[in-house]
């Protein structure tokens, strides 16, 4: 799916939020600057979260509880090995399960092999401008095409 600009990115994130349930896991893949955090802002908007959504690159995770469903936003970019990534992921996953939160993970490559049931969003730069989105549901079916 082609997304032309920030407004469409936010709208797509908001649209996806309506398909998510408490304890859903969303893996966000894409190059630096592709709009992963902007997409999470759209998800948060769809969940009626009124807090500012920022990249958790240095904090590793941000927790938002003001919406219809709590949201945990995780960023594994700075982690260099799978054991560190798994430790952070399993801790945040436990919290998401306990709080019935949605868990969104940027840079999930190190932990993807250890997760069984998740949405997968792949973002790539389009040829001249905008982004291409590939969205797969937990059954690995292509959605939003």
C-alpha atoms as a PDB file:
ATOM      1  CA  UNK A   1       0.000   0.000   0.000  1.00  0.00           C
ATOM      2  CA  UNK A   2       1.369   3.400  -0.974  1.00  0.00           C
ATOM      3  CA  UNK A   3       1.246   6.189   1.627  1.00  0.00           C
ATOM      4  CA  UNK A   4       1.979   9.660   0.322  1.00  0.00           C
ATOM      5  CA  UNK A   5       2.591  11.774   3.429  1.00  0.00           C
ATOM      6  CA  UNK A   6       2.491  12.128   7.226  1.00  0.00           C
ATOM      7  CA  UNK A   7      -1.278  12.638   7.306  1.00  0.00           C
ATOM      8  CA  UNK A   8      -1.847   9.358   5.457  1.00  0.00           C
ATOM      9  CA  UNK A   9       0.686   7.609   7.737  1.00  0.00           C
ATOM     10  CA  UNK A  10      -1.233   8.759  10.815  1.00  0.00           C
ATOM     11  CA  UNK A  11      -4.534   7.723   9.236  1.00  0.00           C
ATOM     12  CA  UNK A  12      -3.195   4.269   8.387  1.00  0.00           C
ATOM     13  CA  UNK A  13      -1.936   3.791  11.955  1.00  0.00           C
ATOM     14  CA  UNK A  14      -5.330   4.884  13.252  1.00  0.00           C
ATOM     15  CA  UNK A  15      -7.063   2.438  10.903  1.00  0.00           C
ATOM     16  CA  UNK A  16      -4.854  -0.421  12.105  1.00  0.00           C
ATOM     17  CA  UNK A  17      -5.587   0.441  15.747  1.00  0.00           C
ATOM     18  CA  UNK A  18      -9.213  -0.522  15.161  1.00  0.00           C
ATOM     19  CA  UNK A  19      -8.107  -4.079  14.326  1.00  0.00           C
ATOM     20  CA  UNK A  20      -5.880  -4.477  17.392  1.00  0.00           C
ATOM     21  CA  UNK A  21      -6.947  -6.054  20.662  1.00  0.00           C
ATOM     22  CA  UNK A  22      -5.490  -5.897  24.154  1.00  0.00           C
ATOM     23  CA  UNK A  23      -2.283  -7.963  24.165  1.00  0.00           C
ATOM     24  CA  UNK A  24      -1.751  -7.585  20.392  1.00  0.00           C
ATOM     25  CA  UNK A  25       1.891  -7.411  19.317  1.00  0.00           C
ATOM     26  CA  UNK A  26       2.897  -5.258  16.339  1.00  0.00           C
ATOM     27  CA  UNK A  27       6.363  -5.519  14.778  1.00  0.00           C
ATOM     28  CA  UNK A  28       7.433  -2.416  12.838  1.00  0.00           C
ATOM     29  CA  UNK A  29      10.267  -2.805  10.334  1.00  0.00           C
ATOM     30  CA  UNK A  30      11.773  -0.130   8.141  1.00  0.00           C
ATOM     31  CA  UNK A  31      14.859   2.011   7.603  1.00  0.00           C
ATOM     32  CA  UNK A  32      15.740   5.017   9.733  1.00  0.00           C
ATOM     33  CA  UNK A  33      13.385   7.889   8.954  1.00  0.00           C
ATOM     34  CA  UNK A  34      10.741   5.684   7.318  1.00  0.00           C
ATOM     35  CA  UNK A  35       8.016   6.857   9.693  1.00  0.00           C
ATOM     36  CA  UNK A  36       7.771   4.059  12.252  1.00  0.00           C
ATOM     37  CA  UNK A  37       7.173   6.403  15.187  1.00  0.00           C
ATOM     38  CA  UNK A  38       4.702   8.438  13.119  1.00  0.00           C
ATOM     39  CA  UNK A  39       2.799   5.222  12.438  1.00  0.00           C
ATOM     40  CA  UNK A  40       2.739   4.538  16.202  1.00  0.00           C
ATOM     41  CA  UNK A  41       1.370   8.070  16.696  1.00  0.00           C
ATOM     42  CA  UNK A  42      -1.503   7.100  14.401  1.00  0.00           C
ATOM     43  CA  UNK A  43      -2.144   3.918  16.401  1.00  0.00           C
ATOM     44  CA  UNK A  44      -2.162   5.988  19.588  1.00  0.00           C
ATOM     45  CA  UNK A  45      -4.593   8.476  18.065  1.00  0.00           C
ATOM     46  CA  UNK A  46      -6.913   5.594  17.175  1.00  0.00           C
ATOM     47  CA  UNK A  47      -6.731   4.403  20.790  1.00  0.00           C
ATOM     48  CA  UNK A  48      -7.617   7.925  22.053  1.00  0.00           C
ATOM     49  CA  UNK A  49      -4.253   8.283  23.781  1.00  0.00           C
ATOM     50  CA  UNK A  50      -3.718  11.958  24.556  1.00  0.00           C
ATOM     51  CA  UNK A  51      -0.051  11.803  25.553  1.00  0.00           C
ATOM     52  CA  UNK A  52       2.759  12.878  23.200  1.00  0.00           C
ATOM     53  CA  UNK A  53       4.136   9.829  21.390  1.00  0.00           C
ATOM     54  CA  UNK A  54       7.904  10.042  20.942  1.00  0.00           C
ATOM     55  CA  UNK A  55      10.585   7.606  19.836  1.00  0.00           C
ATOM     56  CA  UNK A  56      11.828   5.416  22.703  1.00  0.00           C
ATOM     57  CA  UNK A  57      15.234   4.846  21.085  1.00  0.00           C
ATOM     58  CA  UNK A  58      17.214   5.882  24.171  1.00  0.00           C
ATOM     59  CA  UNK A  59      14.681   4.903  26.847  1.00  0.00           C
ATOM     60  CA  UNK A  60      13.953   1.571  25.058  1.00  0.00           C
ATOM     61  CA  UNK A  61      10.255   1.788  25.953  1.00  0.00           C
ATOM     62  CA  UNK A  62       7.477   4.274  26.593  1.00  0.00           C
ATOM     63  CA  UNK A  63       4.193   3.374  28.273  1.00  0.00           C
ATOM     64  CA  UNK A  64       0.922   5.172  27.536  1.00  0.00           C
ATOM     65  CA  UNK A  65      -2.199   4.453  29.549  1.00  0.00           C
ATOM     66  CA  UNK A  66      -4.559   7.339  28.828  1.00  0.00           C
ATOM     67  CA  UNK A  67      -6.472   5.653  25.981  1.00  0.00           C
ATOM     68  CA  UNK A  68      -9.071   2.948  25.455  1.00  0.00           C
ATOM     69  CA  UNK A  69      -6.313   0.310  25.508  1.00  0.00           C
ATOM     70  CA  UNK A  70      -2.866   0.906  27.064  1.00  0.00           C
ATOM     71  CA  UNK A  71       0.052   1.065  24.631  1.00  0.00           C
ATOM     72  CA  UNK A  72       3.669   0.037  25.174  1.00  0.00           C
ATOM     73  CA  UNK A  73       6.066   1.354  22.515  1.00  0.00           C
ATOM     74  CA  UNK A  74       9.383  -0.488  22.403  1.00  0.00           C
ATOM     75  CA  UNK A  75      12.456   0.357  20.305  1.00  0.00           C
ATOM     76  CA  UNK A  76      15.242  -2.226  20.089  1.00  0.00           C
ATOM     77  CA  UNK A  77      17.507  -0.272  17.719  1.00  0.00           C
ATOM     78  CA  UNK A  78      20.334   0.213  20.229  1.00  0.00           C
ATOM     79  CA  UNK A  79      20.465  -3.412  21.354  1.00  0.00           C
ATOM     80  CA  UNK A  80      23.229  -5.388  19.689  1.00  0.00           C
ATOM     81  CA  UNK A  81      22.496  -9.001  20.601  1.00  0.00           C
ATOM     82  CA  UNK A  82      19.475 -11.238  20.838  1.00  0.00           C
ATOM     83  CA  UNK A  83      19.910 -12.048  24.529  1.00  0.00           C
ATOM     84  CA  UNK A  84      19.616  -8.360  25.505  1.00  0.00           C
ATOM     85  CA  UNK A  85      16.716  -7.866  23.100  1.00  0.00           C
ATOM     86  CA  UNK A  86      14.901 -10.948  24.434  1.00  0.00           C
ATOM     87  CA  UNK A  87      15.365  -9.791  28.028  1.00  0.00           C
ATOM     88  CA  UNK A  88      13.826  -6.390  27.294  1.00  0.00           C
ATOM     89  CA  UNK A  89      11.073  -7.898  25.132  1.00  0.00           C
ATOM     90  CA  UNK A  90       9.990 -10.570  27.619  1.00  0.00           C
ATOM     91  CA  UNK A  91       9.859  -8.010  30.432  1.00  0.00           C
ATOM     92  CA  UNK A  92       7.709  -5.642  28.351  1.00  0.00           C
ATOM     93  CA  UNK A  93       5.576  -8.495  27.032  1.00  0.00           C
ATOM     94  CA  UNK A  94       4.808  -9.565  30.604  1.00  0.00           C
ATOM     95  CA  UNK A  95       3.741  -6.028  31.436  1.00  0.00           C
ATOM     96  CA  UNK A  96       1.592  -5.867  28.279  1.00  0.00           C
ATOM     97  CA  UNK A  97      -0.108  -9.138  29.220  1.00  0.00           C
ATOM     98  CA  UNK A  98      -0.716  -8.031  32.805  1.00  0.00           C
ATOM     99  CA  UNK A  99      -2.106  -4.640  31.753  1.00  0.00           C
ATOM    100  CA  UNK A 100      -3.895  -5.884  28.622  1.00  0.00           C
ATOM    101  CA  UNK A 101      -1.841  -3.434  26.586  1.00  0.00           C
ATOM    102  CA  UNK A 102      -0.897  -3.379  22.916  1.00  0.00           C
ATOM    103  CA  UNK A 103       2.847  -3.837  22.408  1.00  0.00           C
ATOM    104  CA  UNK A 104       4.415  -2.110  19.373  1.00  0.00           C
ATOM    105  CA  UNK A 105       8.066  -2.885  18.652  1.00  0.00           C
ATOM    106  CA  UNK A 106      10.373  -0.923  16.362  1.00  0.00           C
ATOM    107  CA  UNK A 107      13.502  -2.728  15.105  1.00  0.00           C
ATOM    108  CA  UNK A 108      12.225  -6.222  16.071  1.00  0.00           C
ATOM    109  CA  UNK A 109      14.709  -8.258  14.013  1.00  0.00           C
ATOM    110  CA  UNK A 110      16.524  -9.769  17.017  1.00  0.00           C
ATOM    111  CA  UNK A 111      13.343 -11.026  18.693  1.00  0.00           C
ATOM    112  CA  UNK A 112      11.074 -11.882  15.772  1.00  0.00           C
ATOM    113  CA  UNK A 113      12.122 -15.570  15.764  1.00  0.00           C
ATOM    114  CA  UNK A 114      10.907 -15.881  19.380  1.00  0.00           C
ATOM    115  CA  UNK A 115       7.424 -14.421  18.855  1.00  0.00           C
ATOM    116  CA  UNK A 116       4.599 -16.552  17.520  1.00  0.00           C
ATOM    117  CA  UNK A 117       1.534 -14.337  17.134  1.00  0.00           C
ATOM    118  CA  UNK A 118       2.013 -10.801  15.817  1.00  0.00           C
ATOM    119  CA  UNK A 119       1.104  -8.166  13.252  1.00  0.00           C
ATOM    120  CA  UNK A 120       4.004  -7.318  10.947  1.00  0.00           C
ATOM    121  CA  UNK A 121       4.333  -3.916   9.309  1.00  0.00           C
ATOM    122  CA  UNK A 122       7.125  -3.406   6.784  1.00  0.00           C
ATOM    123  CA  UNK A 123       7.767   0.152   5.613  1.00  0.00           C
ATOM    124  CA  UNK A 124       9.995   1.037   2.677  1.00  0.00           C
ATOM    125  CA  UNK A 125      10.755   4.210   0.783  1.00  0.00           C
ATOM    126  CA  UNK A 126       8.748   4.596  -2.417  1.00  0.00           C
ATOM    127  CA  UNK A 127      10.565   5.510  -5.628  1.00  0.00           C
ATOM    128  CA  UNK A 128      10.207   9.315  -5.664  1.00  0.00           C
ATOM    129  CA  UNK A 129       8.371  10.167  -2.443  1.00  0.00           C
ATOM    130  CA  UNK A 130       6.111   8.592   0.143  1.00  0.00           C
ATOM    131  CA  UNK A 131       6.283   5.108   1.624  1.00  0.00           C
ATOM    132  CA  UNK A 132       5.170   1.599   0.766  1.00  0.00           C
ATOM    133  CA  UNK A 133       3.521  -0.409   3.542  1.00  0.00           C
ATOM    134  CA  UNK A 134       3.180  -4.152   3.705  1.00  0.00           C
ATOM    135  CA  UNK A 135       0.838  -5.132   6.555  1.00  0.00           C
ATOM    136  CA  UNK A 136       0.347  -8.739   7.625  1.00  0.00           C
ATOM    137  CA  UNK A 137      -2.024  -9.900  10.348  1.00  0.00           C
ATOM    138  CA  UNK A 138      -1.165 -12.621  12.896  1.00  0.00           C
ATOM    139  CA  UNK A 139      -2.243 -15.318  10.432  1.00  0.00           C
ATOM    140  CA  UNK A 140       0.342 -13.906   7.992  1.00  0.00           C
ATOM    141  CA  UNK A 141      -2.384 -12.706   5.629  1.00  0.00           C
ATOM    142  CA  UNK A 142      -1.777  -9.524   3.684  1.00  0.00           C
ATOM    143  CA  UNK A 143      -4.135  -6.779   4.819  1.00  0.00           C
ATOM    144  CA  UNK A 144      -4.747  -3.157   3.758  1.00  0.00           C
ATOM    145  CA  UNK A 145      -3.618  -3.816   0.193  1.00  0.00           C
END
